[in-house]
N, C-alpha and C. Protein backbone atom coordinates (compact mmCIF):
# COMPACT_ATOMS: atom_id res chain seq x y z
N MET A 1 30.50 85.56 -171.87
CA MET A 1 30.78 85.61 -170.68
C MET A 1 31.69 84.61 -169.97
N VAL A 2 32.52 84.98 -169.23
CA VAL A 2 33.55 84.03 -168.41
C VAL A 2 33.25 84.27 -167.07
N VAL A 3 33.44 83.05 -166.27
CA VAL A 3 33.20 82.57 -164.86
C VAL A 3 34.37 81.86 -164.36
N PRO A 4 35.31 82.41 -163.42
CA PRO A 4 36.42 81.77 -162.87
C PRO A 4 35.61 80.72 -162.09
N ALA A 5 36.02 79.49 -161.84
CA ALA A 5 35.60 78.34 -161.18
C ALA A 5 36.66 77.60 -160.49
N GLU A 6 36.14 77.01 -159.26
CA GLU A 6 37.00 75.84 -158.78
C GLU A 6 37.09 74.36 -159.67
N GLY A 7 36.39 74.35 -160.51
CA GLY A 7 36.17 73.13 -160.93
C GLY A 7 35.41 73.22 -162.58
N PRO A 8 35.62 72.13 -163.19
CA PRO A 8 34.54 72.05 -164.35
C PRO A 8 33.20 72.09 -164.60
N GLY A 9 32.72 72.63 -165.32
CA GLY A 9 30.97 72.56 -165.32
C GLY A 9 30.17 73.64 -164.47
N LEU A 10 29.07 73.75 -164.78
CA LEU A 10 27.99 74.42 -164.02
C LEU A 10 27.84 74.66 -162.91
N ASP A 11 27.98 73.17 -162.37
CA ASP A 11 27.93 72.89 -160.80
C ASP A 11 29.20 73.16 -160.27
N ALA A 12 30.35 73.95 -160.69
CA ALA A 12 31.43 73.79 -160.12
C ALA A 12 31.07 75.28 -159.33
N PRO A 13 31.69 75.12 -158.06
CA PRO A 13 31.81 76.66 -157.06
C PRO A 13 32.43 77.74 -158.16
N VAL A 14 32.01 78.83 -157.77
CA VAL A 14 32.77 79.92 -158.40
C VAL A 14 33.99 80.27 -157.76
N SER A 15 34.94 80.58 -158.13
CA SER A 15 36.43 80.87 -157.62
C SER A 15 36.22 82.32 -157.14
N PRO A 16 36.99 82.45 -156.07
CA PRO A 16 37.33 83.61 -155.45
C PRO A 16 37.70 84.76 -156.11
N VAL A 17 38.77 84.08 -157.14
CA VAL A 17 39.58 84.80 -157.91
C VAL A 17 39.24 84.88 -159.22
N LEU A 18 39.99 85.56 -160.07
CA LEU A 18 39.65 85.47 -161.49
C LEU A 18 41.31 84.75 -161.97
N GLY A 19 42.51 85.44 -161.80
CA GLY A 19 43.70 85.14 -162.16
C GLY A 19 44.34 83.55 -162.12
N ARG A 20 43.91 83.44 -160.78
CA ARG A 20 44.52 81.84 -160.53
C ARG A 20 43.34 80.90 -160.44
N ALA A 21 42.26 81.06 -160.77
CA ALA A 21 40.90 80.32 -160.80
C ALA A 21 41.43 78.80 -161.45
N PRO A 22 41.33 77.82 -161.06
CA PRO A 22 41.29 76.82 -161.57
C PRO A 22 41.17 76.40 -162.88
N TYR A 23 39.76 76.88 -163.30
CA TYR A 23 38.75 76.76 -164.51
C TYR A 23 38.54 77.94 -164.92
N LEU A 24 38.36 78.42 -166.18
CA LEU A 24 37.42 79.64 -166.79
C LEU A 24 36.23 78.72 -167.59
N ILE A 25 35.15 79.19 -166.79
CA ILE A 25 33.90 78.83 -167.47
C ILE A 25 33.40 79.68 -168.65
N VAL A 26 33.57 79.34 -169.73
CA VAL A 26 32.77 80.13 -171.01
C VAL A 26 31.64 80.00 -171.29
N ILE A 27 30.67 80.70 -170.96
CA ILE A 27 29.33 80.55 -171.21
C ILE A 27 28.47 81.34 -172.26
N ASP A 28 27.67 80.66 -172.87
CA ASP A 28 26.90 81.27 -173.81
C ASP A 28 25.44 81.00 -173.81
N VAL A 29 24.74 81.80 -173.84
CA VAL A 29 23.08 81.44 -173.96
C VAL A 29 22.59 81.97 -175.17
N SER A 30 21.83 81.07 -176.04
CA SER A 30 21.45 81.16 -177.21
C SER A 30 20.02 82.02 -177.04
N PRO A 31 19.69 82.44 -178.33
CA PRO A 31 18.61 83.38 -178.24
C PRO A 31 17.11 82.46 -177.57
N GLU A 32 17.28 81.40 -177.81
CA GLU A 32 16.39 80.33 -177.32
C GLU A 32 16.47 79.95 -175.93
N GLY A 33 17.39 80.56 -175.19
CA GLY A 33 17.47 80.36 -174.07
C GLY A 33 18.66 79.13 -173.78
N GLU A 34 19.02 78.37 -174.61
CA GLU A 34 19.86 77.06 -174.07
C GLU A 34 21.40 77.58 -173.39
N VAL A 35 21.62 76.98 -172.72
CA VAL A 35 22.98 77.43 -172.00
C VAL A 35 24.00 76.67 -172.35
N ARG A 36 25.07 76.83 -173.30
CA ARG A 36 25.99 76.23 -173.75
C ARG A 36 27.46 76.61 -172.74
N GLU A 37 28.27 75.68 -172.36
CA GLU A 37 29.49 75.89 -171.52
C GLU A 37 30.59 75.19 -171.83
N GLN A 38 31.54 75.89 -171.47
CA GLN A 38 32.82 75.33 -171.99
C GLN A 38 33.91 75.60 -170.93
N SER A 39 34.25 74.37 -170.48
CA SER A 39 35.19 74.67 -169.14
C SER A 39 36.70 74.22 -169.58
N VAL A 40 37.31 75.39 -169.35
CA VAL A 40 38.81 75.51 -169.79
C VAL A 40 39.60 75.42 -168.53
N PRO A 41 40.74 74.54 -168.49
CA PRO A 41 41.63 74.50 -167.54
C PRO A 41 42.41 75.90 -167.42
N ASN A 42 42.49 76.62 -166.51
CA ASN A 42 43.22 77.84 -166.55
C ASN A 42 44.78 77.68 -166.68
N PRO A 43 45.38 78.26 -167.95
CA PRO A 43 46.65 77.96 -168.11
C PRO A 43 47.55 78.59 -167.41
N PHE A 44 47.17 79.64 -166.82
CA PHE A 44 47.93 80.43 -166.21
C PHE A 44 47.74 80.64 -164.57
N ALA A 45 47.37 79.63 -164.35
CA ALA A 45 47.00 79.42 -162.74
C ALA A 45 47.93 79.63 -161.83
N GLN A 46 49.04 78.67 -162.34
CA GLN A 46 50.10 78.23 -161.75
C GLN A 46 51.53 79.31 -162.22
N ALA A 47 50.97 80.38 -162.78
CA ALA A 47 52.20 81.30 -163.29
C ALA A 47 52.92 81.99 -162.17
N PRO A 48 54.16 82.38 -162.23
CA PRO A 48 54.83 82.88 -161.23
C PRO A 48 54.44 84.46 -160.86
N GLY A 49 53.73 85.10 -162.01
CA GLY A 49 53.36 86.45 -161.90
C GLY A 49 52.64 86.65 -162.99
N GLY A 50 51.63 87.49 -162.99
CA GLY A 50 50.91 87.91 -164.10
C GLY A 50 49.92 87.05 -164.41
N ALA A 51 49.29 86.26 -163.81
CA ALA A 51 48.36 85.45 -163.98
C ALA A 51 46.84 86.26 -164.37
N GLY A 52 46.58 87.53 -163.70
CA GLY A 52 45.34 87.94 -163.72
C GLY A 52 45.14 88.73 -165.38
N GLN A 53 46.34 89.33 -165.59
CA GLN A 53 46.50 89.96 -166.89
C GLN A 53 46.49 89.18 -167.93
N ALA A 54 47.25 87.97 -167.84
CA ALA A 54 47.33 86.84 -168.96
C ALA A 54 45.82 86.44 -169.29
N VAL A 55 45.14 86.37 -167.86
CA VAL A 55 43.84 85.59 -167.81
C VAL A 55 42.79 86.62 -168.75
N ALA A 56 42.98 87.88 -168.51
CA ALA A 56 42.33 88.91 -168.88
C ALA A 56 42.64 88.90 -170.51
N GLN A 57 44.03 88.72 -170.72
CA GLN A 57 44.30 89.11 -172.39
C GLN A 57 43.71 87.72 -172.86
N TRP A 58 43.62 86.67 -172.42
CA TRP A 58 42.87 85.58 -172.92
C TRP A 58 41.27 85.70 -173.11
N ILE A 59 40.51 86.10 -172.21
CA ILE A 59 39.25 86.25 -172.10
C ILE A 59 39.07 87.43 -173.40
N ALA A 60 39.88 88.44 -173.43
CA ALA A 60 39.60 89.33 -174.76
C ALA A 60 39.64 88.53 -175.95
N SER A 61 40.89 87.91 -175.75
CA SER A 61 40.86 86.96 -177.16
C SER A 61 40.07 85.80 -177.80
N ILE A 62 39.03 85.66 -176.80
CA ILE A 62 37.86 84.74 -177.40
C ILE A 62 36.72 85.31 -177.62
N GLY A 63 36.70 86.61 -177.38
CA GLY A 63 35.49 87.48 -177.79
C GLY A 63 34.48 87.83 -176.65
N ALA A 64 34.93 87.46 -175.48
CA ALA A 64 33.76 87.39 -174.54
C ALA A 64 33.51 88.78 -174.25
N HIS A 65 32.14 89.07 -173.84
CA HIS A 65 31.81 90.59 -173.48
C HIS A 65 31.79 90.82 -172.32
N ALA A 66 32.02 89.94 -171.44
CA ALA A 66 31.93 90.32 -169.61
C ALA A 66 32.79 89.08 -168.77
N VAL A 67 33.17 89.52 -167.76
CA VAL A 67 33.22 88.63 -166.85
C VAL A 67 32.67 88.60 -165.46
N ALA A 68 32.26 87.60 -164.63
CA ALA A 68 31.79 87.83 -163.58
C ALA A 68 32.69 87.14 -162.78
N ALA A 69 32.98 87.87 -161.78
CA ALA A 69 33.92 87.43 -160.59
C ALA A 69 33.81 88.00 -159.48
N ALA A 70 34.19 87.48 -158.36
CA ALA A 70 34.49 88.38 -156.85
C ALA A 70 35.41 89.18 -156.91
N SER A 71 36.15 89.04 -157.50
CA SER A 71 37.52 89.66 -157.26
C SER A 71 38.56 89.76 -158.72
N VAL A 72 38.88 91.12 -159.23
CA VAL A 72 39.62 90.95 -160.34
C VAL A 72 40.50 92.17 -159.72
N GLY A 73 42.01 91.71 -159.83
CA GLY A 73 43.02 92.49 -159.60
C GLY A 73 42.99 93.62 -160.63
N PRO A 74 43.81 94.87 -159.98
CA PRO A 74 44.01 95.92 -160.84
C PRO A 74 44.72 96.02 -162.42
N ASN A 75 45.79 94.99 -162.50
CA ASN A 75 46.28 94.81 -164.16
C ASN A 75 45.16 94.12 -164.79
N ALA A 76 44.42 93.37 -164.42
CA ALA A 76 43.51 91.99 -164.84
C ALA A 76 42.19 93.29 -165.52
N ALA A 77 41.97 94.18 -164.57
CA ALA A 77 40.97 95.20 -164.82
C ALA A 77 41.09 95.83 -165.92
N MET A 78 42.36 96.48 -165.94
CA MET A 78 42.88 97.60 -167.16
C MET A 78 43.02 97.10 -168.23
N VAL A 79 43.27 95.40 -168.37
CA VAL A 79 42.98 94.57 -169.60
C VAL A 79 41.79 94.58 -170.18
N LEU A 80 40.96 94.36 -169.11
CA LEU A 80 39.79 94.07 -169.44
C LEU A 80 38.90 95.54 -169.99
N GLU A 81 39.12 96.50 -169.29
CA GLU A 81 38.37 97.57 -169.60
C GLU A 81 39.18 98.29 -170.68
N SER A 82 40.34 98.09 -170.98
CA SER A 82 40.81 98.41 -172.47
C SER A 82 40.31 97.57 -173.69
N ALA A 83 39.75 96.21 -173.35
CA ALA A 83 39.25 95.59 -174.48
C ALA A 83 37.44 95.75 -174.69
N GLY A 84 37.16 96.83 -173.59
CA GLY A 84 35.65 96.80 -173.70
C GLY A 84 34.62 95.91 -172.77
N ILE A 85 35.43 95.20 -172.06
CA ILE A 85 34.96 93.95 -171.56
C ILE A 85 34.22 94.52 -170.02
N ARG A 86 33.17 94.20 -169.93
CA ARG A 86 32.39 94.85 -168.53
C ARG A 86 32.51 93.39 -167.51
N PRO A 87 33.00 94.10 -166.46
CA PRO A 87 33.17 93.08 -165.14
C PRO A 87 31.47 92.98 -164.43
N VAL A 88 31.37 91.95 -164.11
CA VAL A 88 29.94 91.65 -163.37
C VAL A 88 30.67 91.41 -161.94
N PRO A 89 30.23 92.38 -160.90
CA PRO A 89 30.79 91.87 -159.65
C PRO A 89 29.99 90.87 -158.95
N LEU A 90 30.57 89.83 -158.26
CA LEU A 90 29.85 88.80 -157.70
C LEU A 90 30.09 88.98 -156.35
N ARG A 91 29.22 88.35 -155.24
CA ARG A 91 29.63 88.01 -153.97
C ARG A 91 30.59 86.76 -154.08
N PRO A 92 31.31 86.61 -153.06
CA PRO A 92 31.79 85.43 -153.10
C PRO A 92 31.10 84.02 -152.55
N GLY A 93 31.23 82.90 -153.21
CA GLY A 93 30.55 81.61 -153.19
C GLY A 93 29.51 81.41 -154.16
N GLY A 94 28.66 80.16 -154.12
CA GLY A 94 27.99 79.98 -154.96
C GLY A 94 28.45 79.04 -156.19
N ARG A 95 27.62 78.55 -157.01
CA ARG A 95 28.03 77.88 -158.07
C ARG A 95 27.81 78.51 -159.61
N VAL A 96 28.77 78.48 -160.51
CA VAL A 96 28.63 78.99 -161.83
C VAL A 96 27.18 78.82 -162.14
N ARG A 97 26.30 77.94 -162.10
CA ARG A 97 24.91 77.63 -162.49
C ARG A 97 24.03 78.96 -162.15
N ASP A 98 24.52 79.13 -160.38
CA ASP A 98 23.69 80.17 -159.95
C ASP A 98 23.93 81.60 -160.50
N VAL A 99 24.80 81.81 -160.83
CA VAL A 99 25.31 82.97 -161.53
C VAL A 99 24.72 83.31 -162.97
N VAL A 100 24.62 82.12 -163.77
CA VAL A 100 24.02 81.81 -164.91
C VAL A 100 22.51 82.48 -164.78
N GLU A 101 21.67 81.96 -163.65
CA GLU A 101 20.60 81.91 -163.37
C GLU A 101 20.06 82.95 -162.98
N TYR A 102 20.84 83.79 -162.22
CA TYR A 102 20.78 85.08 -161.62
C TYR A 102 20.63 86.16 -162.71
N LEU A 103 21.53 85.72 -163.55
CA LEU A 103 22.03 87.14 -164.94
C LEU A 103 20.76 86.53 -165.85
N ARG A 104 20.23 85.47 -165.86
CA ARG A 104 19.38 85.13 -167.07
C ARG A 104 17.88 85.77 -166.31
N ARG A 105 17.74 85.65 -165.11
CA ARG A 105 16.37 86.31 -164.29
C ARG A 105 16.35 87.76 -164.61
N SER A 106 17.39 88.41 -164.57
CA SER A 106 17.44 89.71 -164.27
C SER A 106 17.56 90.33 -165.66
N GLY A 107 17.52 89.77 -166.66
CA GLY A 107 17.50 90.28 -167.97
C GLY A 107 18.80 90.83 -168.42
N SER A 108 19.60 90.32 -168.06
CA SER A 108 21.09 90.49 -168.28
C SER A 108 21.56 90.56 -169.77
N ARG A 109 22.54 91.52 -170.21
CA ARG A 109 22.65 90.96 -171.74
C ARG A 109 24.29 90.70 -171.61
N TYR A 110 24.84 90.03 -170.71
CA TYR A 110 26.26 89.93 -170.56
C TYR A 110 26.23 88.78 -171.64
N PHE A 111 25.62 87.85 -172.00
CA PHE A 111 26.02 86.56 -172.84
C PHE A 111 26.19 87.06 -174.13
């Protein structure tokens, strides 16, 4: 799963947008419940155009199964849908850790 964030790490605030988020947090939860994260500076955050679509293509290229975001633009949504990546809608606010814990408690299979 990928979560757009305002900074690196699980304690970073979730970004309100996907394409121009400063960081993309890649989350993996092992069968034993261990949470692994990789904070990636978003190389497309300052792109003059097409940031959402480029981020969606990057998410597909790393093999993510889902993206949890408060807002996904229409072009990014088309790319994600064509790659079979499920969007997980979020309310704005909160930390990346909160998203992970909520999805774990709810029995989510997004990881």
